Structure formats: C-alpha cells, structure tokens
N, C-alpha and C. Protein backbone atom coordinates (compact mmCIF):
# COMPACT_ATOMS: atom_id res chain seq x y z
N MET A 1 0.85 -1.18 0.00
CA MET A 1 0.00 0.00 0.00
C MET A 1 0.89 1.24 0.00
N GLU A 2 0.94 1.90 -1.10
CA GLU A 2 1.84 3.04 -1.26
C GLU A 2 1.44 4.25 -0.41
N GLU A 3 0.19 4.30 0.05
CA GLU A 3 -0.27 5.43 0.87
C GLU A 3 0.34 5.40 2.27
N VAL A 4 0.80 4.24 2.71
CA VAL A 4 1.31 4.08 4.07
C VAL A 4 2.73 4.65 4.16
N VAL A 5 2.89 5.64 5.05
CA VAL A 5 4.19 6.26 5.28
C VAL A 5 4.89 5.56 6.44
N SER A 6 4.14 5.28 7.53
CA SER A 6 4.69 4.63 8.72
C SER A 6 3.64 3.70 9.29
N LEU A 7 4.12 2.67 10.00
CA LEU A 7 3.23 1.70 10.62
C LEU A 7 3.82 1.34 11.98
N TYR A 8 3.01 1.45 13.04
CA TYR A 8 3.48 1.24 14.41
C TYR A 8 2.59 0.23 15.12
N SER A 9 3.18 -0.60 15.97
CA SER A 9 2.38 -1.39 16.90
C SER A 9 2.33 -0.58 18.20
N SER A 10 1.22 -0.69 18.93
CA SER A 10 1.08 0.13 20.13
C SER A 10 0.29 -0.61 21.20
N SER A 11 0.33 -0.05 22.38
CA SER A 11 -0.52 -0.55 23.46
C SER A 11 -1.68 0.43 23.61
N GLY A 12 -2.64 0.08 24.43
CA GLY A 12 -3.77 0.97 24.63
C GLY A 12 -4.96 0.60 23.77
N ASP A 13 -5.72 1.61 23.39
CA ASP A 13 -6.97 1.38 22.65
C ASP A 13 -6.76 0.87 21.23
N HIS A 14 -5.62 1.15 20.65
CA HIS A 14 -5.37 0.79 19.26
C HIS A 14 -4.15 -0.11 19.17
N MET A 15 -4.25 -1.21 18.44
CA MET A 15 -3.14 -2.15 18.30
C MET A 15 -2.13 -1.71 17.26
N ILE A 16 -2.61 -1.06 16.22
CA ILE A 16 -1.74 -0.62 15.13
C ILE A 16 -2.08 0.82 14.78
N LEU A 17 -1.05 1.64 14.62
CA LEU A 17 -1.22 3.01 14.16
C LEU A 17 -0.57 3.13 12.79
N LEU A 18 -1.27 3.73 11.86
CA LEU A 18 -0.80 3.87 10.50
C LEU A 18 -0.75 5.35 10.16
N GLU A 19 0.35 5.80 9.58
CA GLU A 19 0.44 7.16 9.08
C GLU A 19 0.36 7.10 7.56
N GLY A 20 -0.57 7.82 7.00
CA GLY A 20 -0.73 7.86 5.56
C GLY A 20 -0.96 9.29 5.09
N TRP A 21 -0.62 9.52 3.84
CA TRP A 21 -0.83 10.84 3.24
C TRP A 21 -1.81 10.70 2.09
N PHE A 22 -2.81 11.60 2.05
CA PHE A 22 -3.86 11.54 1.05
C PHE A 22 -4.09 12.93 0.47
N LYS A 23 -4.42 12.99 -0.80
CA LYS A 23 -4.64 14.27 -1.48
C LYS A 23 -5.91 14.96 -0.99
N ASN A 24 -6.92 14.16 -0.63
CA ASN A 24 -8.20 14.73 -0.22
C ASN A 24 -9.00 13.68 0.56
N MET A 25 -10.16 14.07 1.02
CA MET A 25 -11.00 13.18 1.83
C MET A 25 -11.49 11.98 1.03
N ASP A 26 -11.70 12.15 -0.27
CA ASP A 26 -12.13 11.03 -1.11
C ASP A 26 -11.06 9.93 -1.14
N GLU A 27 -9.80 10.35 -1.26
CA GLU A 27 -8.70 9.37 -1.25
C GLU A 27 -8.63 8.65 0.09
N LEU A 28 -8.83 9.38 1.18
CA LEU A 28 -8.84 8.76 2.51
C LEU A 28 -10.00 7.77 2.62
N ALA A 29 -11.17 8.14 2.14
CA ALA A 29 -12.34 7.25 2.20
C ALA A 29 -12.10 5.97 1.41
N LYS A 30 -11.49 6.09 0.24
CA LYS A 30 -11.18 4.89 -0.56
C LYS A 30 -10.20 3.98 0.18
N PHE A 31 -9.22 4.58 0.84
CA PHE A 31 -8.24 3.80 1.58
C PHE A 31 -8.90 3.08 2.76
N VAL A 32 -9.78 3.77 3.47
CA VAL A 32 -10.49 3.15 4.59
C VAL A 32 -11.32 1.97 4.10
N LYS A 33 -11.99 2.11 2.97
CA LYS A 33 -12.77 1.00 2.40
C LYS A 33 -11.86 -0.18 2.06
N LYS A 34 -10.66 0.11 1.55
CA LYS A 34 -9.71 -0.94 1.24
C LYS A 34 -9.30 -1.68 2.52
N LEU A 35 -9.05 -0.93 3.59
CA LEU A 35 -8.70 -1.56 4.87
C LEU A 35 -9.85 -2.41 5.41
N GLU A 36 -11.08 -1.91 5.26
CA GLU A 36 -12.25 -2.65 5.77
C GLU A 36 -12.43 -3.99 5.09
N SER A 37 -11.89 -4.14 3.89
CA SER A 37 -12.05 -5.39 3.15
C SER A 37 -11.02 -6.46 3.57
N ILE A 38 -10.07 -6.09 4.42
CA ILE A 38 -9.02 -7.02 4.84
C ILE A 38 -9.52 -7.85 6.02
N GLU A 39 -9.43 -9.17 5.87
CA GLU A 39 -9.86 -10.07 6.94
C GLU A 39 -9.01 -9.84 8.18
N GLY A 40 -9.66 -9.77 9.34
CA GLY A 40 -8.96 -9.58 10.60
C GLY A 40 -9.01 -8.15 11.11
N ILE A 41 -9.25 -7.19 10.23
CA ILE A 41 -9.41 -5.80 10.68
C ILE A 41 -10.84 -5.64 11.15
N THR A 42 -10.99 -5.33 12.44
CA THR A 42 -12.33 -5.27 13.02
C THR A 42 -12.82 -3.85 13.27
N LYS A 43 -11.90 -2.89 13.34
CA LYS A 43 -12.32 -1.51 13.60
C LYS A 43 -11.28 -0.55 13.03
N ILE A 44 -11.75 0.51 12.42
CA ILE A 44 -10.87 1.54 11.86
C ILE A 44 -11.31 2.87 12.45
N CYS A 45 -10.36 3.62 13.00
CA CYS A 45 -10.65 4.91 13.63
C CYS A 45 -9.77 5.99 12.99
N PRO A 46 -10.17 6.52 11.84
CA PRO A 46 -9.34 7.55 11.20
C PRO A 46 -9.26 8.81 12.05
N ALA A 47 -8.09 9.42 12.06
CA ALA A 47 -7.89 10.70 12.74
C ALA A 47 -7.06 11.58 11.82
N ILE A 48 -7.37 12.85 11.77
CA ILE A 48 -6.65 13.78 10.92
C ILE A 48 -5.89 14.75 11.82
N LEU A 49 -4.58 14.84 11.61
CA LEU A 49 -3.77 15.76 12.38
C LEU A 49 -3.99 17.18 11.85
N LEU A 50 -4.24 18.10 12.75
CA LEU A 50 -4.52 19.47 12.35
C LEU A 50 -3.30 20.37 12.42
N GLU A 51 -2.41 20.10 13.38
CA GLU A 51 -1.27 21.00 13.58
C GLU A 51 -0.13 20.25 14.25
N LYS A 52 1.09 20.48 13.76
CA LYS A 52 2.27 19.95 14.45
C LYS A 52 2.69 20.98 15.49
N ILE A 53 2.76 20.55 16.73
CA ILE A 53 3.06 21.48 17.81
C ILE A 53 4.56 21.53 18.12
N LYS A 54 5.20 20.40 18.07
CA LYS A 54 6.64 20.39 18.34
C LYS A 54 7.34 19.42 17.41
C-alpha cells in the first residue's frame, strides 16, 4: 500500500497506528474502504492531524 508512510504497533486502545498521506478526503475514504475489506481488521478509527506542535 503506497499510501502508508509509517506503521506502528502500540498498546492501549489501538493495536496498530498507520500514518498515511492523502490528497483529499475522497482518497482517505477509498483507503479506509480498502482496509475494511481485509480479513482480521475489526475496527478503523481515522484521525486527521490538524497541527504539528513540536
């Protein structure tokens, strides 16, 4: 998946964190649909970063 910039395993509420770059919301929506079609993925929680603070 060329959209994936970084992939992390984590503890807490989310097992995997994915960083991806998309041209617009339509591209993000298509990517989420692609993820939803993968067996074993049970929940997707997209978040959009608004500002880099540090």
